[in-house]
Amino acid sequence: MTTSATALAAYKASTVPDVLRNAARYLADHGWLRNHLYDDYTNPTPRACALGAILIAAYGQLAVTPFEDTNHYGEAEVDRYRKARSALEKHLGGRIYIGDWNDAIWDDNAGQTAAHVITVLNNTADTYESAVQKGR
């Protein structure tokens, strides 16, 4: 495994709450940015937006479109990504992006901070985990 693959694989999670928590941890460790999934695809651990960090935590690697390709990513990983994205959307009260993928997502908004994005990801994980424990 290359250094990049090893570094990113450390963030791969096997449960939806852990995908969200590991995404938050990835942002805390490597930095957050707006308007792009990643700031530098040649960097083994680039800064990421919230969705980019969720993809890293779900797949254990930098993701490229299409994000839900089960021929490229495993079915279990795609399922965790979909559920984590859905949990975040539910937590925020709507879609995390508007229109197609190229439109702004919630963490691109002016005034958004890394600390807030990280907090939202962790809170979403807690909410999801609590709902699962209650059988919702």
C-alpha atoms as a PDB file:
ATOM      1  CA  MET A   1       0.000   0.000   0.000  1.00  0.00           C
ATOM      2  CA  THR A   2       1.323   3.452  -0.876  1.00  0.00           C
ATOM      3  CA  THR A   3       1.775   6.157   1.744  1.00  0.00           C
ATOM      4  CA  SER A   4      -1.310   7.963   0.400  1.00  0.00           C
ATOM      5  CA  ALA A   5      -3.414   4.814   0.489  1.00  0.00           C
ATOM      6  CA  THR A   6      -2.231   3.973   3.995  1.00  0.00           C
ATOM      7  CA  ALA A   7      -2.893   7.487   5.284  1.00  0.00           C
ATOM      8  CA  LEU A   8      -6.406   7.601   3.843  1.00  0.00           C
ATOM      9  CA  ALA A   9      -7.262   4.003   4.729  1.00  0.00           C
ATOM     10  CA  ALA A  10      -6.802   4.921   8.399  1.00  0.00           C
ATOM     11  CA  TYR A  11      -9.971   7.043   8.110  1.00  0.00           C
ATOM     12  CA  LYS A  12     -12.116   4.323   6.521  1.00  0.00           C
ATOM     13  CA  ALA A  13     -15.037   3.445   8.766  1.00  0.00           C
ATOM     14  CA  SER A  14     -17.317   0.439   8.937  1.00  0.00           C
ATOM     15  CA  THR A  15     -20.428   2.129  10.386  1.00  0.00           C
ATOM     16  CA  VAL A  16     -22.357   5.208   9.333  1.00  0.00           C
ATOM     17  CA  PRO A  17     -21.730   7.125  12.596  1.00  0.00           C
ATOM     18  CA  ASP A  18     -18.031   6.350  12.295  1.00  0.00           C
ATOM     19  CA  VAL A  19     -18.009   7.563   8.672  1.00  0.00           C
ATOM     20  CA  LEU A  20     -19.311  10.906   9.926  1.00  0.00           C
ATOM     21  CA  ARG A  21     -16.942  11.026  12.919  1.00  0.00           C
ATOM     22  CA  ASN A  22     -13.944  10.017  10.810  1.00  0.00           C
ATOM     23  CA  ALA A  23     -14.886  12.666   8.241  1.00  0.00           C
ATOM     24  CA  ALA A  24     -14.875  15.231  11.057  1.00  0.00           C
ATOM     25  CA  ARG A  25     -11.529  13.903  12.303  1.00  0.00           C
ATOM     26  CA  TYR A  26     -10.100  14.037   8.773  1.00  0.00           C
ATOM     27  CA  LEU A  27     -11.072  17.703   8.482  1.00  0.00           C
ATOM     28  CA  ALA A  28      -9.582  18.458  11.893  1.00  0.00           C
ATOM     29  CA  ASP A  29      -6.353  16.658  10.962  1.00  0.00           C
ATOM     30  CA  HIS A  30      -5.908  17.852   7.368  1.00  0.00           C
ATOM     31  CA  GLY A  31      -8.037  20.943   6.905  1.00  0.00           C
ATOM     32  CA  TRP A  32     -11.326  22.006   5.414  1.00  0.00           C
ATOM     33  CA  LEU A  33     -12.026  24.005   2.266  1.00  0.00           C
ATOM     34  CA  ARG A  34     -14.941  25.319   0.240  1.00  0.00           C
ATOM     35  CA  ASN A  35     -16.037  24.782  -3.351  1.00  0.00           C
ATOM     36  CA  HIS A  36     -14.064  21.598  -4.143  1.00  0.00           C
ATOM     37  CA  LEU A  37     -13.929  18.043  -2.849  1.00  0.00           C
ATOM     38  CA  TYR A  38     -10.154  18.279  -2.424  1.00  0.00           C
ATOM     39  CA  ASP A  39      -7.636  21.052  -2.920  1.00  0.00           C
ATOM     40  CA  ASP A  40      -4.861  18.945  -4.423  1.00  0.00           C
ATOM     41  CA  TYR A  41      -5.266  15.427  -5.791  1.00  0.00           C
ATOM     42  CA  THR A  42      -1.480  14.980  -5.784  1.00  0.00           C
ATOM     43  CA  ASN A  43      -1.285  15.541  -2.019  1.00  0.00           C
ATOM     44  CA  PRO A  44      -1.666  12.229  -0.168  1.00  0.00           C
ATOM     45  CA  THR A  45      -3.906  13.913   2.429  1.00  0.00           C
ATOM     46  CA  PRO A  46      -5.400  17.041   0.869  1.00  0.00           C
ATOM     47  CA  ARG A  47      -7.716  19.523   2.507  1.00  0.00           C
ATOM     48  CA  ALA A  48     -11.306  18.493   1.831  1.00  0.00           C
ATOM     49  CA  CYS A  49     -14.841  19.797   1.946  1.00  0.00           C
ATOM     50  CA  ALA A  50     -17.353  17.986   4.152  1.00  0.00           C
ATOM     51  CA  LEU A  51     -18.517  15.730   1.336  1.00  0.00           C
ATOM     52  CA  GLY A  52     -14.928  14.977   0.304  1.00  0.00           C
ATOM     53  CA  ALA A  53     -14.144  13.964   3.887  1.00  0.00           C
ATOM     54  CA  ILE A  54     -17.259  11.749   4.030  1.00  0.00           C
ATOM     55  CA  LEU A  55     -16.121  10.058   0.827  1.00  0.00           C
ATOM     56  CA  ILE A  56     -12.660   9.445   2.302  1.00  0.00           C
ATOM     57  CA  ALA A  57     -14.217   7.987   5.466  1.00  0.00           C
ATOM     58  CA  ALA A  58     -16.576   5.775   3.464  1.00  0.00           C
ATOM     59  CA  TYR A  59     -14.090   4.589   0.828  1.00  0.00           C
ATOM     60  CA  GLY A  60     -10.674   4.972   2.461  1.00  0.00           C
ATOM     61  CA  GLN A  61      -9.391   6.820  -0.605  1.00  0.00           C
ATOM     62  CA  LEU A  62      -9.869  10.004  -2.578  1.00  0.00           C
ATOM     63  CA  ALA A  63     -13.115   9.596  -4.462  1.00  0.00           C
ATOM     64  CA  VAL A  64     -13.800  10.657  -7.990  1.00  0.00           C
ATOM     65  CA  THR A  65     -17.146  10.752  -9.735  1.00  0.00           C
ATOM     66  CA  PRO A  66     -19.321   8.818  -9.975  1.00  0.00           C
ATOM     67  CA  PHE A  67     -19.331   8.519  -6.195  1.00  0.00           C
ATOM     68  CA  GLU A  68     -21.828   5.673  -6.105  1.00  0.00           C
ATOM     69  CA  ASP A  69     -20.198   3.339  -8.650  1.00  0.00           C
ATOM     70  CA  THR A  70     -20.305  -0.126  -7.116  1.00  0.00           C
ATOM     71  CA  ASN A  71     -17.954  -1.344  -9.845  1.00  0.00           C
ATOM     72  CA  HIS A  72     -15.262   0.983  -8.505  1.00  0.00           C
ATOM     73  CA  TYR A  73     -16.212   1.077  -4.810  1.00  0.00           C
ATOM     74  CA  GLY A  74     -17.627  -1.841  -2.866  1.00  0.00           C
ATOM     75  CA  GLU A  75     -21.374  -2.128  -2.268  1.00  0.00           C
ATOM     76  CA  ALA A  76     -20.972  -1.829   1.491  1.00  0.00           C
ATOM     77  CA  GLU A  77     -18.851   1.318   1.101  1.00  0.00           C
ATOM     78  CA  VAL A  78     -21.338   2.908  -1.298  1.00  0.00           C
ATOM     79  CA  ASP A  79     -24.167   2.052   1.100  1.00  0.00           C
ATOM     80  CA  ARG A  80     -22.317   3.691   4.026  1.00  0.00           C
ATOM     81  CA  TYR A  81     -21.604   6.777   1.897  1.00  0.00           C
ATOM     82  CA  ARG A  82     -25.265   7.080   0.870  1.00  0.00           C
ATOM     83  CA  LYS A  83     -26.480   6.633   4.440  1.00  0.00           C
ATOM     84  CA  ALA A  84     -23.948   9.131   5.841  1.00  0.00           C
ATOM     85  CA  ARG A  85     -24.879  11.713   3.198  1.00  0.00           C
ATOM     86  CA  SER A  86     -28.574  11.084   3.854  1.00  0.00           C
ATOM     87  CA  ALA A  87     -28.073  11.432   7.614  1.00  0.00           C
ATOM     88  CA  LEU A  88     -26.301  14.750   7.099  1.00  0.00           C
ATOM     89  CA  GLU A  89     -29.096  15.966   4.828  1.00  0.00           C
ATOM     90  CA  LYS A  90     -31.714  14.941   7.402  1.00  0.00           C
ATOM     91  CA  HIS A  91     -29.747  16.621  10.188  1.00  0.00           C
ATOM     92  CA  LEU A  92     -29.532  19.837   8.164  1.00  0.00           C
ATOM     93  CA  GLY A  93     -33.171  19.670   7.114  1.00  0.00           C
ATOM     94  CA  GLY A  94     -32.611  19.288   3.382  1.00  0.00           C
ATOM     95  CA  ARG A  95     -30.193  18.465   0.619  1.00  0.00           C
ATOM     96  CA  ILE A  96     -26.537  19.238   1.197  1.00  0.00           C
ATOM     97  CA  TYR A  97     -26.178  20.460  -2.351  1.00  0.00           C
ATOM     98  CA  ILE A  98     -28.550  22.335  -4.609  1.00  0.00           C
ATOM     99  CA  GLY A  99     -29.286  21.088  -8.097  1.00  0.00           C
ATOM    100  CA  ASP A 100     -26.517  19.069  -9.627  1.00  0.00           C
ATOM    101  CA  TRP A 101     -23.159  18.308  -8.065  1.00  0.00           C
ATOM    102  CA  ASN A 102     -21.539  21.480  -9.419  1.00  0.00           C
ATOM    103  CA  ASP A 103     -23.802  23.726  -7.354  1.00  0.00           C
ATOM    104  CA  ALA A 104     -22.903  24.938  -3.886  1.00  0.00           C
ATOM    105  CA  ILE A 105     -23.210  22.594  -0.955  1.00  0.00           C
ATOM    106  CA  TRP A 106     -24.031  23.706   2.578  1.00  0.00           C
ATOM    107  CA  ASP A 107     -20.430  23.980   3.750  1.00  0.00           C
ATOM    108  CA  ASP A 108     -19.569  26.306   0.837  1.00  0.00           C
ATOM    109  CA  ASN A 109     -21.755  29.043   2.298  1.00  0.00           C
ATOM    110  CA  ALA A 110     -20.080  32.290   3.293  1.00  0.00           C
ATOM    111  CA  GLY A 111     -19.566  32.476   7.027  1.00  0.00           C
ATOM    112  CA  GLN A 112     -19.184  28.719   7.392  1.00  0.00           C
ATOM    113  CA  THR A 113     -16.196  27.669   9.493  1.00  0.00           C
ATOM    114  CA  ALA A 114     -14.208  24.481   9.816  1.00  0.00           C
ATOM    115  CA  ALA A 115     -15.160  24.252  13.488  1.00  0.00           C
ATOM    116  CA  HIS A 116     -18.864  24.425  12.644  1.00  0.00           C
ATOM    117  CA  VAL A 117     -18.594  21.847   9.848  1.00  0.00           C
ATOM    118  CA  ILE A 118     -16.736  19.462  12.170  1.00  0.00           C
ATOM    119  CA  THR A 119     -19.318  19.992  14.920  1.00  0.00           C
ATOM    120  CA  VAL A 120     -22.200  19.332  12.504  1.00  0.00           C
ATOM    121  CA  LEU A 121     -20.597  16.093  11.305  1.00  0.00           C
ATOM    122  CA  ASN A 122     -20.074  14.880  14.880  1.00  0.00           C
ATOM    123  CA  ASN A 123     -23.599  15.910  15.921  1.00  0.00           C
ATOM    124  CA  THR A 124     -25.025  14.113  12.885  1.00  0.00           C
ATOM    125  CA  ALA A 125     -23.156  10.959  13.915  1.00  0.00           C
ATOM    126  CA  ASP A 126     -24.589  11.187  17.431  1.00  0.00           C
ATOM    127  CA  THR A 127     -28.127  11.779  16.129  1.00  0.00           C
ATOM    128  CA  TYR A 128     -27.876   8.855  13.688  1.00  0.00           C
ATOM    129  CA  GLU A 129     -26.472   6.543  16.334  1.00  0.00           C
ATOM    130  CA  SER A 130     -29.198   7.502  18.805  1.00  0.00           C
ATOM    131  CA  ALA A 131     -31.917   6.915  16.200  1.00  0.00           C
ATOM    132  CA  VAL A 132     -30.478   3.477  15.352  1.00  0.00           C
ATOM    133  CA  GLN A 133     -30.363   2.548  19.042  1.00  0.00           C
ATOM    134  CA  LYS A 134     -33.997   3.608  19.409  1.00  0.00           C
ATOM    135  CA  GLY A 135     -34.913   1.572  16.332  1.00  0.00           C
ATOM    136  CA  ARG A 136     -35.920   4.486  14.072  1.00  0.00           C
END
